[in-house]
Amino acid sequence: MLHRTNKSNRAGIKENLTVPETRDLIKGIKAKYLTSEQSESKEVKVIIQKISSGLSEITLANASREQLQSLQGILEQKLNEISKLIG
């Protein structure tokens, strides 16, 4: 990716583009090579890390019964959504 960006910078200089025009050129190239799946997977990775580290047994033990029931309902709903997507 760095190689393409450097190539874009050289193209911007060669074509006498302004800085904003060069930035737009780089954004276009990045958009072409970076798919939304990659950024979505980053979001899921962050959520997984937060759930793994944030839902310790101690944290859950300190929650009220209502909070635990609410969390359980949300997690069950999300697990159903995941199951549908997985097939």
PDB file of N, CA and C in Angstrom:
ATOM      1  N   MET A   1       0.822  -1.190   0.000  1.00  0.00           N
ATOM      2  CA  MET A   1       0.000   0.000   0.000  1.00  0.00           C
ATOM      3  C   MET A   1       0.866   1.254   0.000  1.00  0.00           C
ATOM      4  N   LEU A   2       1.944   1.220   0.762  1.00  0.00           N
ATOM      5  CA  LEU A   2       2.835   2.362   0.822  1.00  0.00           C
ATOM      6  C   LEU A   2       3.398   2.664  -0.558  1.00  0.00           C
ATOM      7  N   HIS A   3       3.723   1.625  -1.307  1.00  0.00           N
ATOM      8  CA  HIS A   3       4.267   1.806  -2.647  1.00  0.00           C
ATOM      9  C   HIS A   3       3.270   2.557  -3.524  1.00  0.00           C
ATOM     10  N   ARG A   4       1.996   2.168  -3.446  1.00  0.00           N
ATOM     11  CA  ARG A   4       0.973   2.837  -4.254  1.00  0.00           C
ATOM     12  C   ARG A   4       0.818   4.298  -3.844  1.00  0.00           C
ATOM     13  N   THR A   5       0.880   4.561  -2.523  1.00  0.00           N
ATOM     14  CA  THR A   5       0.740   5.928  -2.035  1.00  0.00           C
ATOM     15  C   THR A   5       1.896   6.780  -2.529  1.00  0.00           C
ATOM     16  N   ASN A   6       3.118   6.258  -2.456  1.00  0.00           N
ATOM     17  CA  ASN A   6       4.271   7.002  -2.959  1.00  0.00           C
ATOM     18  C   ASN A   6       4.129   7.259  -4.449  1.00  0.00           C
ATOM     19  N   LYS A   7       3.628   6.272  -5.167  1.00  0.00           N
ATOM     20  CA  LYS A   7       3.391   6.425  -6.597  1.00  0.00           C
ATOM     21  C   LYS A   7       2.368   7.539  -6.832  1.00  0.00           C
ATOM     22  N   SER A   8       1.357   7.600  -5.964  1.00  0.00           N
ATOM     23  CA  SER A   8       0.333   8.636  -6.072  1.00  0.00           C
ATOM     24  C   SER A   8       0.923  10.010  -5.820  1.00  0.00           C
ATOM     25  N   ASN A   9       1.788  10.099  -4.822  1.00  0.00           N
ATOM     26  CA  ASN A   9       2.436  11.377  -4.535  1.00  0.00           C
ATOM     27  C   ASN A   9       3.271  11.842  -5.721  1.00  0.00           C
ATOM     28  N   ARG A  10       4.008  10.892  -6.322  1.00  0.00           N
ATOM     29  CA  ARG A  10       4.815  11.256  -7.500  1.00  0.00           C
ATOM     30  C   ARG A  10       3.916  11.697  -8.646  1.00  0.00           C
ATOM     31  N   ALA A  11       2.772  11.010  -8.807  1.00  0.00           N
ATOM     32  CA  ALA A  11       1.835  11.391  -9.869  1.00  0.00           C
ATOM     33  C   ALA A  11       1.297  12.786  -9.602  1.00  0.00           C
ATOM     34  N   GLY A  12       1.021  13.081  -8.329  1.00  0.00           N
ATOM     35  CA  GLY A  12       0.525  14.408  -7.972  1.00  0.00           C
ATOM     36  C   GLY A  12       1.536  15.492  -8.283  1.00  0.00           C
ATOM     37  N   ILE A  13       2.796  15.216  -8.020  1.00  0.00           N
ATOM     38  CA  ILE A  13       3.856  16.184  -8.318  1.00  0.00           C
ATOM     39  C   ILE A  13       4.037  16.312  -9.822  1.00  0.00           C
ATOM     40  N   LYS A  14       4.067  15.180 -10.520  1.00  0.00           N
ATOM     41  CA  LYS A  14       4.277  15.176 -11.966  1.00  0.00           C
ATOM     42  C   LYS A  14       3.157  15.922 -12.683  1.00  0.00           C
ATOM     43  N   GLU A  15       1.920  15.713 -12.220  1.00  0.00           N
ATOM     44  CA  GLU A  15       0.776  16.354 -12.866  1.00  0.00           C
ATOM     45  C   GLU A  15       0.493  17.736 -12.287  1.00  0.00           C
ATOM     46  N   ASN A  16       1.358  18.188 -11.384  1.00  0.00           N
ATOM     47  CA  ASN A  16       1.234  19.503 -10.777  1.00  0.00           C
ATOM     48  C   ASN A  16      -0.117  19.674 -10.074  1.00  0.00           C
ATOM     49  N   LEU A  17      -0.516  18.632  -9.329  1.00  0.00           N
ATOM     50  CA  LEU A  17      -1.775  18.687  -8.595  1.00  0.00           C
ATOM     51  C   LEU A  17      -1.579  19.457  -7.292  1.00  0.00           C
ATOM     52  N   THR A  18      -2.653  20.046  -6.818  1.00  0.00           N
ATOM     53  CA  THR A  18      -2.595  20.708  -5.518  1.00  0.00           C
ATOM     54  C   THR A  18      -2.580  19.633  -4.435  1.00  0.00           C
ATOM     55  N   VAL A  19      -2.269  20.032  -3.223  1.00  0.00           N
ATOM     56  CA  VAL A  19      -2.254  19.076  -2.110  1.00  0.00           C
ATOM     57  C   VAL A  19      -3.626  18.420  -1.938  1.00  0.00           C
ATOM     58  N   PRO A  20      -4.730  19.181  -1.929  1.00  0.00           N
ATOM     59  CA  PRO A  20      -6.042  18.529  -1.810  1.00  0.00           C
ATOM     60  C   PRO A  20      -6.340  17.564  -2.963  1.00  0.00           C
ATOM     61  N   GLU A  21      -5.912  17.910  -4.164  1.00  0.00           N
ATOM     62  CA  GLU A  21      -6.127  17.022  -5.312  1.00  0.00           C
ATOM     63  C   GLU A  21      -5.317  15.735  -5.158  1.00  0.00           C
ATOM     64  N   THR A  22      -4.093  15.863  -4.647  1.00  0.00           N
ATOM     65  CA  THR A  22      -3.262  14.685  -4.417  1.00  0.00           C
ATOM     66  C   THR A  22      -3.881  13.806  -3.337  1.00  0.00           C
ATOM     67  N   ARG A  23      -4.401  14.442  -2.274  1.00  0.00           N
ATOM     68  CA  ARG A  23      -5.076  13.679  -1.212  1.00  0.00           C
ATOM     69  C   ARG A  23      -6.277  12.924  -1.776  1.00  0.00           C
ATOM     70  N   ASP A  24      -7.053  13.589  -2.626  1.00  0.00           N
ATOM     71  CA  ASP A  24      -8.209  12.932  -3.242  1.00  0.00           C
ATOM     72  C   ASP A  24      -7.770  11.745  -4.094  1.00  0.00           C
ATOM     73  N   LEU A  25      -6.668  11.913  -4.812  1.00  0.00           N
ATOM     74  CA  LEU A  25      -6.127  10.826  -5.625  1.00  0.00           C
ATOM     75  C   LEU A  25      -5.759   9.636  -4.736  1.00  0.00           C
ATOM     76  N   ILE A  26      -5.103   9.914  -3.621  1.00  0.00           N
ATOM     77  CA  ILE A  26      -4.707   8.855  -2.689  1.00  0.00           C
ATOM     78  C   ILE A  26      -5.935   8.181  -2.085  1.00  0.00           C
ATOM     79  N   LYS A  27      -6.940   8.968  -1.692  1.00  0.00           N
ATOM     80  CA  LYS A  27      -8.178   8.397  -1.140  1.00  0.00           C
ATOM     81  C   LYS A  27      -8.839   7.458  -2.138  1.00  0.00           C
ATOM     82  N   GLY A  28      -8.840   7.865  -3.401  1.00  0.00           N
ATOM     83  CA  GLY A  28      -9.428   7.024  -4.438  1.00  0.00           C
ATOM     84  C   GLY A  28      -8.699   5.704  -4.594  1.00  0.00           C
ATOM     85  N   ILE A  29      -7.381   5.764  -4.540  1.00  0.00           N
ATOM     86  CA  ILE A  29      -6.583   4.541  -4.662  1.00  0.00           C
ATOM     87  C   ILE A  29      -6.809   3.640  -3.451  1.00  0.00           C
ATOM     88  N   LYS A  30      -6.839   4.229  -2.257  1.00  0.00           N
ATOM     89  CA  LYS A  30      -7.090   3.433  -1.051  1.00  0.00           C
ATOM     90  C   LYS A  30      -8.467   2.786  -1.110  1.00  0.00           C
ATOM     91  N   ALA A  31      -9.457   3.535  -1.542  1.00  0.00           N
ATOM     92  CA  ALA A  31     -10.822   2.999  -1.628  1.00  0.00           C
ATOM     93  C   ALA A  31     -10.885   1.824  -2.591  1.00  0.00           C
ATOM     94  N   LYS A  32     -10.074   1.885  -3.629  1.00  0.00           N
ATOM     95  CA  LYS A  32     -10.056   0.812  -4.621  1.00  0.00           C
ATOM     96  C   LYS A  32      -9.500  -0.479  -4.035  1.00  0.00           C
ATOM     97  N   TYR A  33      -8.504  -0.366  -3.159  1.00  0.00           N
ATOM     98  CA  TYR A  33      -7.821  -1.547  -2.648  1.00  0.00           C
ATOM     99  C   TYR A  33      -8.277  -1.987  -1.259  1.00  0.00           C
ATOM    100  N   LEU A  34      -8.916  -1.108  -0.509  1.00  0.00           N
ATOM    101  CA  LEU A  34      -9.406  -1.463   0.817  1.00  0.00           C
ATOM    102  C   LEU A  34     -10.909  -1.667   0.740  1.00  0.00           C
ATOM    103  N   THR A  35     -11.356  -2.850   1.052  1.00  0.00           N
ATOM    104  CA  THR A  35     -12.784  -3.136   0.977  1.00  0.00           C
ATOM    105  C   THR A  35     -13.448  -2.837   2.311  1.00  0.00           C
ATOM    106  N   SER A  36     -14.757  -2.702   2.288  1.00  0.00           N
ATOM    107  CA  SER A  36     -15.497  -2.452   3.522  1.00  0.00           C
ATOM    108  C   SER A  36     -15.416  -3.654   4.449  1.00  0.00           C
ATOM    109  N   GLU A  37     -15.219  -4.848   3.901  1.00  0.00           N
ATOM    110  CA  GLU A  37     -15.095  -6.044   4.731  1.00  0.00           C
ATOM    111  C   GLU A  37     -13.912  -5.918   5.686  1.00  0.00           C
ATOM    112  N   GLN A  38     -12.830  -5.313   5.222  1.00  0.00           N
ATOM    113  CA  GLN A  38     -11.657  -5.178   6.075  1.00  0.00           C
ATOM    114  C   GLN A  38     -11.954  -4.271   7.262  1.00  0.00           C
ATOM    115  N   SER A  39     -12.606  -3.143   7.035  1.00  0.00           N
ATOM    116  CA  SER A  39     -12.894  -2.243   8.141  1.00  0.00           C
ATOM    117  C   SER A  39     -13.977  -2.817   9.041  1.00  0.00           C
ATOM    118  N   GLU A  40     -14.933  -3.550   8.475  1.00  0.00           N
ATOM    119  CA  GLU A  40     -15.953  -4.177   9.299  1.00  0.00           C
ATOM    120  C   GLU A  40     -15.329  -5.223  10.211  1.00  0.00           C
ATOM    121  N   SER A  41     -14.380  -5.972   9.698  1.00  0.00           N
ATOM    122  CA  SER A  41     -13.751  -6.993  10.532  1.00  0.00           C
ATOM    123  C   SER A  41     -12.977  -6.343  11.675  1.00  0.00           C
ATOM    124  N   LYS A  42     -12.449  -5.151  11.468  1.00  0.00           N
ATOM    125  CA  LYS A  42     -11.777  -4.434  12.547  1.00  0.00           C
ATOM    126  C   LYS A  42     -12.780  -4.076  13.634  1.00  0.00           C
ATOM    127  N   GLU A  43     -13.976  -3.649  13.228  1.00  0.00           N
ATOM    128  CA  GLU A  43     -15.013  -3.311  14.201  1.00  0.00           C
ATOM    129  C   GLU A  43     -15.391  -4.531  15.028  1.00  0.00           C
ATOM    130  N   VAL A  44     -15.562  -5.657  14.360  1.00  0.00           N
ATOM    131  CA  VAL A  44     -15.924  -6.889  15.064  1.00  0.00           C
ATOM    132  C   VAL A  44     -14.791  -7.302  15.998  1.00  0.00           C
ATOM    133  N   LYS A  45     -13.564  -7.146  15.556  1.00  0.00           N
ATOM    134  CA  LYS A  45     -12.409  -7.502  16.387  1.00  0.00           C
ATOM    135  C   LYS A  45     -12.400  -6.678  17.678  1.00  0.00           C
ATOM    136  N   VAL A  46     -12.693  -5.392  17.570  1.00  0.00           N
ATOM    137  CA  VAL A  46     -12.737  -4.521  18.746  1.00  0.00           C
ATOM    138  C   VAL A  46     -13.851  -4.965  19.694  1.00  0.00           C
ATOM    139  N   ILE A  47     -15.007  -5.294  19.137  1.00  0.00           N
ATOM    140  CA  ILE A  47     -16.131  -5.750  19.962  1.00  0.00           C
ATOM    141  C   ILE A  47     -15.770  -7.043  20.682  1.00  0.00           C
ATOM    142  N   ILE A  48     -15.144  -7.961  19.970  1.00  0.00           N
ATOM    143  CA  ILE A  48     -14.730  -9.233  20.583  1.00  0.00           C
ATOM    144  C   ILE A  48     -13.771  -8.977  21.742  1.00  0.00           C
ATOM    145  N   GLN A  49     -12.811  -8.084  21.535  1.00  0.00           N
ATOM    146  CA  GLN A  49     -11.852  -7.772  22.597  1.00  0.00           C
ATOM    147  C   GLN A  49     -12.553  -7.152  23.803  1.00  0.00           C
ATOM    148  N   LYS A  50     -13.503  -6.244  23.541  1.00  0.00           N
ATOM    149  CA  LYS A  50     -14.222  -5.598  24.644  1.00  0.00           C
ATOM    150  C   LYS A  50     -15.046  -6.607  25.431  1.00  0.00           C
ATOM    151  N   ILE A  51     -15.711  -7.506  24.730  1.00  0.00           N
ATOM    152  CA  ILE A  51     -16.519  -8.519  25.413  1.00  0.00           C
ATOM    153  C   ILE A  51     -15.619  -9.466  26.200  1.00  0.00           C
ATOM    154  N   SER A  52     -14.533  -9.898  25.584  1.00  0.00           N
ATOM    155  CA  SER A  52     -13.627 -10.850  26.240  1.00  0.00           C
ATOM    156  C   SER A  52     -13.016 -10.274  27.509  1.00  0.00           C
ATOM    157  N   SER A  53     -12.569  -9.036  27.437  1.00  0.00           N
ATOM    158  CA  SER A  53     -11.888  -8.449  28.593  1.00  0.00           C
ATOM    159  C   SER A  53     -12.855  -7.748  29.549  1.00  0.00           C
ATOM    160  N   GLY A  54     -13.971  -7.259  29.044  1.00  0.00           N
ATOM    161  CA  GLY A  54     -14.881  -6.468  29.867  1.00  0.00           C
ATOM    162  C   GLY A  54     -15.903  -7.271  30.640  1.00  0.00           C
ATOM    163  N   LEU A  55     -16.163  -8.494  30.217  1.00  0.00           N
ATOM    164  CA  LEU A  55     -17.174  -9.305  30.888  1.00  0.00           C
ATOM    165  C   LEU A  55     -16.523 -10.371  31.763  1.00  0.00           C
ATOM    166  N   SER A  56     -15.760  -9.927  32.723  1.00  0.00           N
ATOM    167  CA  SER A  56     -15.127 -10.880  33.636  1.00  0.00           C
ATOM    168  C   SER A  56     -16.172 -11.424  34.602  1.00  0.00           C
ATOM    169  N   GLU A  57     -15.832 -12.508  35.247  1.00  0.00           N
ATOM    170  CA  GLU A  57     -16.747 -13.115  36.218  1.00  0.00           C
ATOM    171  C   GLU A  57     -17.057 -12.133  37.350  1.00  0.00           C
ATOM    172  N   ILE A  58     -16.069 -11.350  37.742  1.00  0.00           N
ATOM    173  CA  ILE A  58     -16.267 -10.365  38.811  1.00  0.00           C
ATOM    174  C   ILE A  58     -17.243  -9.280  38.361  1.00  0.00           C
ATOM    175  N   THR A  59     -17.070  -8.796  37.142  1.00  0.00           N
ATOM    176  CA  THR A  59     -17.976  -7.778  36.605  1.00  0.00           C
ATOM    177  C   THR A  59     -19.400  -8.299  36.583  1.00  0.00           C
ATOM    178  N   LEU A  60     -19.567  -9.514  36.116  1.00  0.00           N
ATOM    179  CA  LEU A  60     -20.903 -10.104  36.053  1.00  0.00           C
ATOM    180  C   LEU A  60     -21.475 -10.325  37.451  1.00  0.00           C
ATOM    181  N   ALA A  61     -20.638 -10.728  38.395  1.00  0.00           N
ATOM    182  CA  ALA A  61     -21.095 -10.964  39.766  1.00  0.00           C
ATOM    183  C   ALA A  61     -21.578  -9.680  40.428  1.00  0.00           C
ATOM    184  N   ASN A  62     -21.028  -8.545  40.013  1.00  0.00           N
ATOM    185  CA  ASN A  62     -21.415  -7.257  40.591  1.00  0.00           C
ATOM    186  C   ASN A  62     -22.629  -6.633  39.910  1.00  0.00           C
ATOM    187  N   ALA A  63     -23.123  -7.253  38.861  1.00  0.00           N
ATOM    188  CA  ALA A  63     -24.280  -6.722  38.134  1.00  0.00           C
ATOM    189  C   ALA A  63     -25.572  -7.152  38.823  1.00  0.00           C
ATOM    190  N   SER A  64     -26.611  -6.349  38.630  1.00  0.00           N
ATOM    191  CA  SER A  64     -27.918  -6.701  39.188  1.00  0.00           C
ATOM    192  C   SER A  64     -28.551  -7.812  38.352  1.00  0.00           C
ATOM    193  N   ARG A  65     -29.553  -8.435  38.920  1.00  0.00           N
ATOM    194  CA  ARG A  65     -30.268  -9.499  38.214  1.00  0.00           C
ATOM    195  C   ARG A  65     -30.876  -8.955  36.916  1.00  0.00           C
ATOM    196  N   GLU A  66     -31.423  -7.749  36.974  1.00  0.00           N
ATOM    197  CA  GLU A  66     -32.036  -7.133  35.792  1.00  0.00           C
ATOM    198  C   GLU A  66     -30.998  -6.880  34.704  1.00  0.00           C
ATOM    199  N   GLN A  67     -29.826  -6.424  35.118  1.00  0.00           N
ATOM    200  CA  GLN A  67     -28.753  -6.187  34.144  1.00  0.00           C
ATOM    201  C   GLN A  67     -28.323  -7.494  33.490  1.00  0.00           C
ATOM    202  N   LEU A  68     -28.208  -8.530  34.285  1.00  0.00           N
ATOM    203  CA  LEU A  68     -27.800  -9.828  33.745  1.00  0.00           C
ATOM    204  C   LEU A  68     -28.845 -10.378  32.781  1.00  0.00           C
ATOM    205  N   GLN A  69     -30.120 -10.212  33.119  1.00  0.00           N
ATOM    206  CA  GLN A  69     -31.184 -10.675  32.230  1.00  0.00           C
ATOM    207  C   GLN A  69     -31.187  -9.879  30.925  1.00  0.00           C
ATOM    208  N   SER A  70     -30.971  -8.579  31.024  1.00  0.00           N
ATOM    209  CA  SER A  70     -30.910  -7.733  29.832  1.00  0.00           C
ATOM    210  C   SER A  70     -29.731  -8.136  28.950  1.00  0.00           C
ATOM    211  N   LEU A  71     -28.585  -8.322  29.569  1.00  0.00           N
ATOM    212  CA  LEU A  71     -27.389  -8.741  28.828  1.00  0.00           C
ATOM    213  C   LEU A  71     -27.606 -10.095  28.171  1.00  0.00           C
ATOM    214  N   GLN A  72     -28.203 -11.017  28.898  1.00  0.00           N
ATOM    215  CA  GLN A  72     -28.470 -12.345  28.355  1.00  0.00           C
ATOM    216  C   GLN A  72     -29.379 -12.257  27.135  1.00  0.00           C
ATOM    217  N   GLY A  73     -30.414 -11.437  27.219  1.00  0.00           N
ATOM    218  CA  GLY A  73     -31.331 -11.276  26.088  1.00  0.00           C
ATOM    219  C   GLY A  73     -30.635 -10.711  24.862  1.00  0.00           C
ATOM    220  N   ILE A  74     -29.818  -9.698  25.078  1.00  0.00           N
ATOM    221  CA  ILE A  74     -29.086  -9.074  23.966  1.00  0.00           C
ATOM    222  C   ILE A  74     -28.116 -10.073  23.340  1.00  0.00           C
ATOM    223  N   LEU A  75     -27.385 -10.797  24.180  1.00  0.00           N
ATOM    224  CA  LEU A  75     -26.419 -11.769  23.660  1.00  0.00           C
ATOM    225  C   LEU A  75     -27.115 -12.894  22.901  1.00  0.00           C
ATOM    226  N   GLU A  76     -28.248 -13.362  23.414  1.00  0.00           N
ATOM    227  CA  GLU A  76     -29.000 -14.404  22.702  1.00  0.00           C
ATOM    228  C   GLU A  76     -29.467 -13.899  21.339  1.00  0.00           C
ATOM    229  N   GLN A  77     -29.947 -12.653  21.301  1.00  0.00           N
ATOM    230  CA  GLN A  77     -30.394 -12.062  20.032  1.00  0.00           C
ATOM    231  C   GLN A  77     -29.231 -11.976  19.043  1.00  0.00           C
ATOM    232  N   LYS A  78     -28.086 -11.510  19.516  1.00  0.00           N
ATOM    233  CA  LYS A  78     -26.920 -11.380  18.641  1.00  0.00           C
ATOM    234  C   LYS A  78     -26.421 -12.747  18.182  1.00  0.00           C
ATOM    235  N   LEU A  79     -26.469 -13.737  19.061  1.00  0.00           N
ATOM    236  CA  LEU A  79     -26.062 -15.092  18.668  1.00  0.00           C
ATOM    237  C   LEU A  79     -26.984 -15.644  17.590  1.00  0.00           C
ATOM    238  N   ASN A  80     -28.276 -15.364  17.691  1.00  0.00           N
ATOM    239  CA  ASN A  80     -29.218 -15.785  16.644  1.00  0.00           C
ATOM    240  C   ASN A  80     -28.894 -15.113  15.317  1.00  0.00           C
ATOM    241  N   GLU A  81     -28.577 -13.809  15.358  1.00  0.00           N
ATOM    242  CA  GLU A  81     -28.216 -13.080  14.137  1.00  0.00           C
ATOM    243  C   GLU A  81     -26.947 -13.671  13.522  1.00  0.00           C
ATOM    244  N   ILE A  82     -25.973 -13.983  14.368  1.00  0.00           N
ATOM    245  CA  ILE A  82     -24.719 -14.570  13.882  1.00  0.00           C
ATOM    246  C   ILE A  82     -24.984 -15.935  13.260  1.00  0.00           C
ATOM    247  N   SER A  83     -25.816 -16.743  13.914  1.00  0.00           N
ATOM    248  CA  SER A  83     -26.142 -18.078  13.389  1.00  0.00           C
ATOM    249  C   SER A  83     -26.781 -17.993  12.011  1.00  0.00           C
ATOM    250  N   LYS A  84     -27.660 -17.012  11.821  1.00  0.00           N
ATOM    251  CA  LYS A  84     -28.304 -16.829  10.510  1.00  0.00           C
ATOM    252  C   LYS A  84     -27.271 -16.477   9.442  1.00  0.00           C
ATOM    253  N   LEU A  85     -26.312 -15.635   9.811  1.00  0.00           N
ATOM    254  CA  LEU A  85     -25.288 -15.216   8.847  1.00  0.00           C
ATOM    255  C   LEU A  85     -24.321 -16.348   8.520  1.00  0.00           C
ATOM    256  N   ILE A  86     -24.013 -17.146   9.510  1.00  0.00           N
ATOM    257  CA  ILE A  86     -23.087 -18.261   9.296  1.00  0.00           C
ATOM    258  C   ILE A  86     -23.743 -19.345   8.454  1.00  0.00           C
ATOM    259  N   GLY A  87     -25.025 -19.534   8.667  1.00  0.00           N
ATOM    260  CA  GLY A  87     -25.757 -20.517   7.867  1.00  0.00           C
ATOM    261  C   GLY A  87     -26.007 -21.705   8.649  1.00  0.00           C
TER     262      GLY A  87
END
